[in-house]
Amino acid sequence: MIESITIEDVYHELKTIERTMVTREDLDALIDSVEILSDKKTMAALHKSDLDIKEKRVKEVSSVEELLSEL
């Protein structure tokens, strides 16, 4: 005998599938991450920034104007 399927069964199955899907935003974020991690200059700059923070070579700014005046 063929099992009957209700619209509610279909709805719940679709909701289950939806929970495991990768969204376009997730995919875009992954691509951005791969691009950053693949760029040697960017990674070197991030590493240098991490070292600056560890060595307390940072300056707190409270506004965009203050930040721009430092350039």
N, C-alpha and C. Protein backbone atom coordinates (compact mmCIF):
# COMPACT_ATOMS: atom_id res chain seq x y z
N MET A 1 0.83 -1.17 0.00
CA MET A 1 0.00 0.00 0.00
C MET A 1 0.88 1.25 0.00
N ILE A 2 0.48 2.26 -0.72
CA ILE A 2 1.23 3.51 -0.81
C ILE A 2 0.92 4.38 0.40
N GLU A 3 2.00 4.86 1.01
CA GLU A 3 1.84 5.74 2.18
C GLU A 3 1.37 7.11 1.71
N SER A 4 0.40 7.66 2.38
CA SER A 4 -0.07 8.99 2.00
C SER A 4 0.79 10.06 2.67
N ILE A 5 0.97 11.14 1.95
CA ILE A 5 1.78 12.25 2.44
C ILE A 5 0.89 13.48 2.48
N THR A 6 0.95 14.16 3.60
CA THR A 6 0.13 15.36 3.75
C THR A 6 0.97 16.59 3.43
N ILE A 7 0.30 17.68 3.22
CA ILE A 7 0.99 18.95 2.98
C ILE A 7 1.83 19.33 4.20
N GLU A 8 1.37 18.94 5.37
CA GLU A 8 2.13 19.21 6.60
C GLU A 8 3.44 18.41 6.61
N ASP A 9 3.38 17.16 6.13
CA ASP A 9 4.60 16.36 6.02
C ASP A 9 5.61 17.03 5.09
N VAL A 10 5.13 17.51 3.96
CA VAL A 10 5.98 18.19 2.99
C VAL A 10 6.57 19.45 3.62
N TYR A 11 5.73 20.21 4.31
CA TYR A 11 6.18 21.45 4.97
C TYR A 11 7.31 21.14 5.96
N HIS A 12 7.11 20.13 6.79
CA HIS A 12 8.14 19.80 7.80
C HIS A 12 9.43 19.32 7.14
N GLU A 13 9.31 18.57 6.06
CA GLU A 13 10.50 18.11 5.35
C GLU A 13 11.25 19.29 4.73
N LEU A 14 10.51 20.24 4.16
CA LEU A 14 11.14 21.43 3.59
C LEU A 14 11.82 22.27 4.67
N LYS A 15 11.20 22.37 5.83
CA LYS A 15 11.81 23.11 6.94
C LYS A 15 13.11 22.43 7.39
N THR A 16 13.12 21.11 7.40
CA THR A 16 14.33 20.36 7.75
C THR A 16 15.44 20.64 6.75
N ILE A 17 15.10 20.62 5.48
CA ILE A 17 16.07 20.90 4.43
C ILE A 17 16.58 22.34 4.55
N GLU A 18 15.67 23.26 4.81
CA GLU A 18 16.04 24.68 4.92
C GLU A 18 17.06 24.91 6.03
N ARG A 19 16.92 24.20 7.14
CA ARG A 19 17.84 24.39 8.27
C ARG A 19 19.27 23.97 7.93
N THR A 20 19.42 23.08 6.97
CA THR A 20 20.75 22.59 6.64
C THR A 20 21.34 23.25 5.39
N MET A 21 20.58 24.12 4.77
CA MET A 21 21.04 24.78 3.55
C MET A 21 22.06 25.88 3.85
N VAL A 22 22.95 26.10 2.93
CA VAL A 22 23.88 27.20 3.00
C VAL A 22 23.24 28.38 2.29
N THR A 23 23.18 29.51 2.96
CA THR A 23 22.56 30.69 2.35
C THR A 23 23.56 31.40 1.45
N ARG A 24 23.06 32.26 0.61
CA ARG A 24 23.92 33.06 -0.28
C ARG A 24 24.86 33.92 0.57
N GLU A 25 24.34 34.46 1.67
CA GLU A 25 25.15 35.29 2.56
C GLU A 25 26.29 34.48 3.18
N ASP A 26 25.98 33.24 3.58
CA ASP A 26 27.02 32.37 4.14
C ASP A 26 28.09 32.08 3.10
N LEU A 27 27.67 31.80 1.88
CA LEU A 27 28.60 31.51 0.80
C LEU A 27 29.46 32.73 0.48
N ASP A 28 28.85 33.91 0.44
CA ASP A 28 29.61 35.14 0.19
C ASP A 28 30.65 35.37 1.29
N ALA A 29 30.26 35.14 2.54
CA ALA A 29 31.19 35.32 3.66
C ALA A 29 32.35 34.32 3.56
N LEU A 30 32.05 33.11 3.16
CA LEU A 30 33.10 32.10 3.00
C LEU A 30 34.08 32.50 1.90
N ILE A 31 33.55 32.98 0.79
CA ILE A 31 34.40 33.43 -0.32
C ILE A 31 35.28 34.60 0.13
N ASP A 32 34.69 35.55 0.86
CA ASP A 32 35.47 36.68 1.38
C ASP A 32 36.61 36.19 2.28
N SER A 33 36.29 35.24 3.15
CA SER A 33 37.31 34.71 4.07
C SER A 33 38.45 34.03 3.31
N VAL A 34 38.09 33.24 2.31
CA VAL A 34 39.12 32.55 1.51
C VAL A 34 39.99 33.58 0.79
N GLU A 35 39.38 34.62 0.25
CA GLU A 35 40.15 35.65 -0.44
C GLU A 35 41.13 36.35 0.51
N ILE A 36 40.66 36.67 1.71
CA ILE A 36 41.54 37.31 2.70
C ILE A 36 42.67 36.38 3.10
N LEU A 37 42.33 35.14 3.42
CA LEU A 37 43.35 34.17 3.85
C LEU A 37 44.34 33.84 2.74
N SER A 38 43.96 34.03 1.50
CA SER A 38 44.84 33.73 0.37
C SER A 38 45.75 34.89 0.00
N ASP A 39 45.49 36.06 0.54
CA ASP A 39 46.27 37.25 0.19
C ASP A 39 47.42 37.42 1.19
N LYS A 40 48.64 37.18 0.71
CA LYS A 40 49.82 37.22 1.59
C LYS A 40 50.02 38.60 2.24
N LYS A 41 49.80 39.66 1.48
CA LYS A 41 49.99 41.02 2.03
C LYS A 41 48.97 41.31 3.13
N THR A 42 47.73 40.93 2.89
CA THR A 42 46.69 41.16 3.89
C THR A 42 46.98 40.37 5.16
N MET A 43 47.38 39.11 4.99
CA MET A 43 47.68 38.28 6.16
C MET A 43 48.88 38.82 6.93
N ALA A 44 49.88 39.34 6.21
CA ALA A 44 51.04 39.93 6.88
C ALA A 44 50.63 41.16 7.68
N ALA A 45 49.75 41.98 7.09
CA ALA A 45 49.27 43.18 7.79
C ALA A 45 48.46 42.79 9.03
N LEU A 46 47.64 41.76 8.92
CA LEU A 46 46.87 41.30 10.09
C LEU A 46 47.79 40.77 11.18
N HIS A 47 48.80 40.04 10.77
CA HIS A 47 49.77 39.51 11.74
C HIS A 47 50.50 40.66 12.44
N LYS A 48 50.91 41.67 11.67
CA LYS A 48 51.56 42.83 12.26
C LYS A 48 50.63 43.55 13.23
N SER A 49 49.37 43.67 12.87
CA SER A 49 48.39 44.31 13.75
C SER A 49 48.24 43.53 15.06
N ASP A 50 48.21 42.20 14.95
CA ASP A 50 48.12 41.38 16.16
C ASP A 50 49.33 41.61 17.07
N LEU A 51 50.52 41.69 16.46
CA LEU A 51 51.73 41.95 17.25
C LEU A 51 51.68 43.33 17.89
N ASP A 52 51.21 44.33 17.14
CA ASP A 52 51.08 45.67 17.70
C ASP A 52 50.15 45.67 18.92
N ILE A 53 49.07 44.96 18.81
CA ILE A 53 48.13 44.89 19.94
C ILE A 53 48.78 44.21 21.13
N LYS A 54 49.47 43.09 20.89
CA LYS A 54 50.14 42.37 21.98
C LYS A 54 51.19 43.24 22.66
N GLU A 55 51.89 44.05 21.86
CA GLU A 55 52.95 44.91 22.39
C GLU A 55 52.42 46.26 22.87
N LYS A 56 51.11 46.40 22.86
CA LYS A 56 50.43 47.62 23.33
C LYS A 56 50.82 48.85 22.50
N ARG A 57 51.10 48.63 21.22
CA ARG A 57 51.39 49.74 20.32
C ARG A 57 50.08 50.15 19.62
N VAL A 58 49.18 50.66 20.45
CA VAL A 58 47.87 51.07 19.95
C VAL A 58 47.53 52.44 20.51
N LYS A 59 46.63 53.11 19.84
CA LYS A 59 46.17 54.40 20.31
C LYS A 59 44.66 54.41 20.21
N GLU A 60 44.02 54.81 21.27
CA GLU A 60 42.56 54.88 21.27
C GLU A 60 42.11 56.19 20.62
N VAL A 61 41.16 56.09 19.72
CA VAL A 61 40.58 57.28 19.10
C VAL A 61 39.08 57.26 19.38
N SER A 62 38.52 58.45 19.49
CA SER A 62 37.10 58.52 19.85
C SER A 62 36.23 59.03 18.72
N SER A 63 36.84 59.39 17.59
CA SER A 63 36.02 59.88 16.48
C SER A 63 36.74 59.63 15.15
N VAL A 64 35.98 59.66 14.10
CA VAL A 64 36.55 59.51 12.76
C VAL A 64 37.49 60.68 12.47
N GLU A 65 37.10 61.87 12.88
CA GLU A 65 37.94 63.05 12.66
C GLU A 65 39.30 62.89 13.32
N GLU A 66 39.27 62.39 14.54
CA GLU A 66 40.53 62.16 15.26
C GLU A 66 41.38 61.12 14.54
N LEU A 67 40.77 60.09 14.06
CA LEU A 67 41.49 59.06 13.31
C LEU A 67 42.09 59.63 12.04
N LEU A 68 41.32 60.38 11.30
CA LEU A 68 41.80 60.97 10.05
C LEU A 68 42.91 61.98 10.27
N SER A 69 42.89 62.68 11.40
CA SER A 69 43.94 63.65 11.68
C SER A 69 45.28 62.98 11.91
N GLU A 70 45.28 61.70 12.22
CA GLU A 70 46.51 60.95 12.46
C GLU A 70 47.18 60.53 11.14
N LEU A 71 46.46 60.58 10.05
CA LEU A 71 47.00 60.11 8.77
C LEU A 71 47.89 61.12 8.11
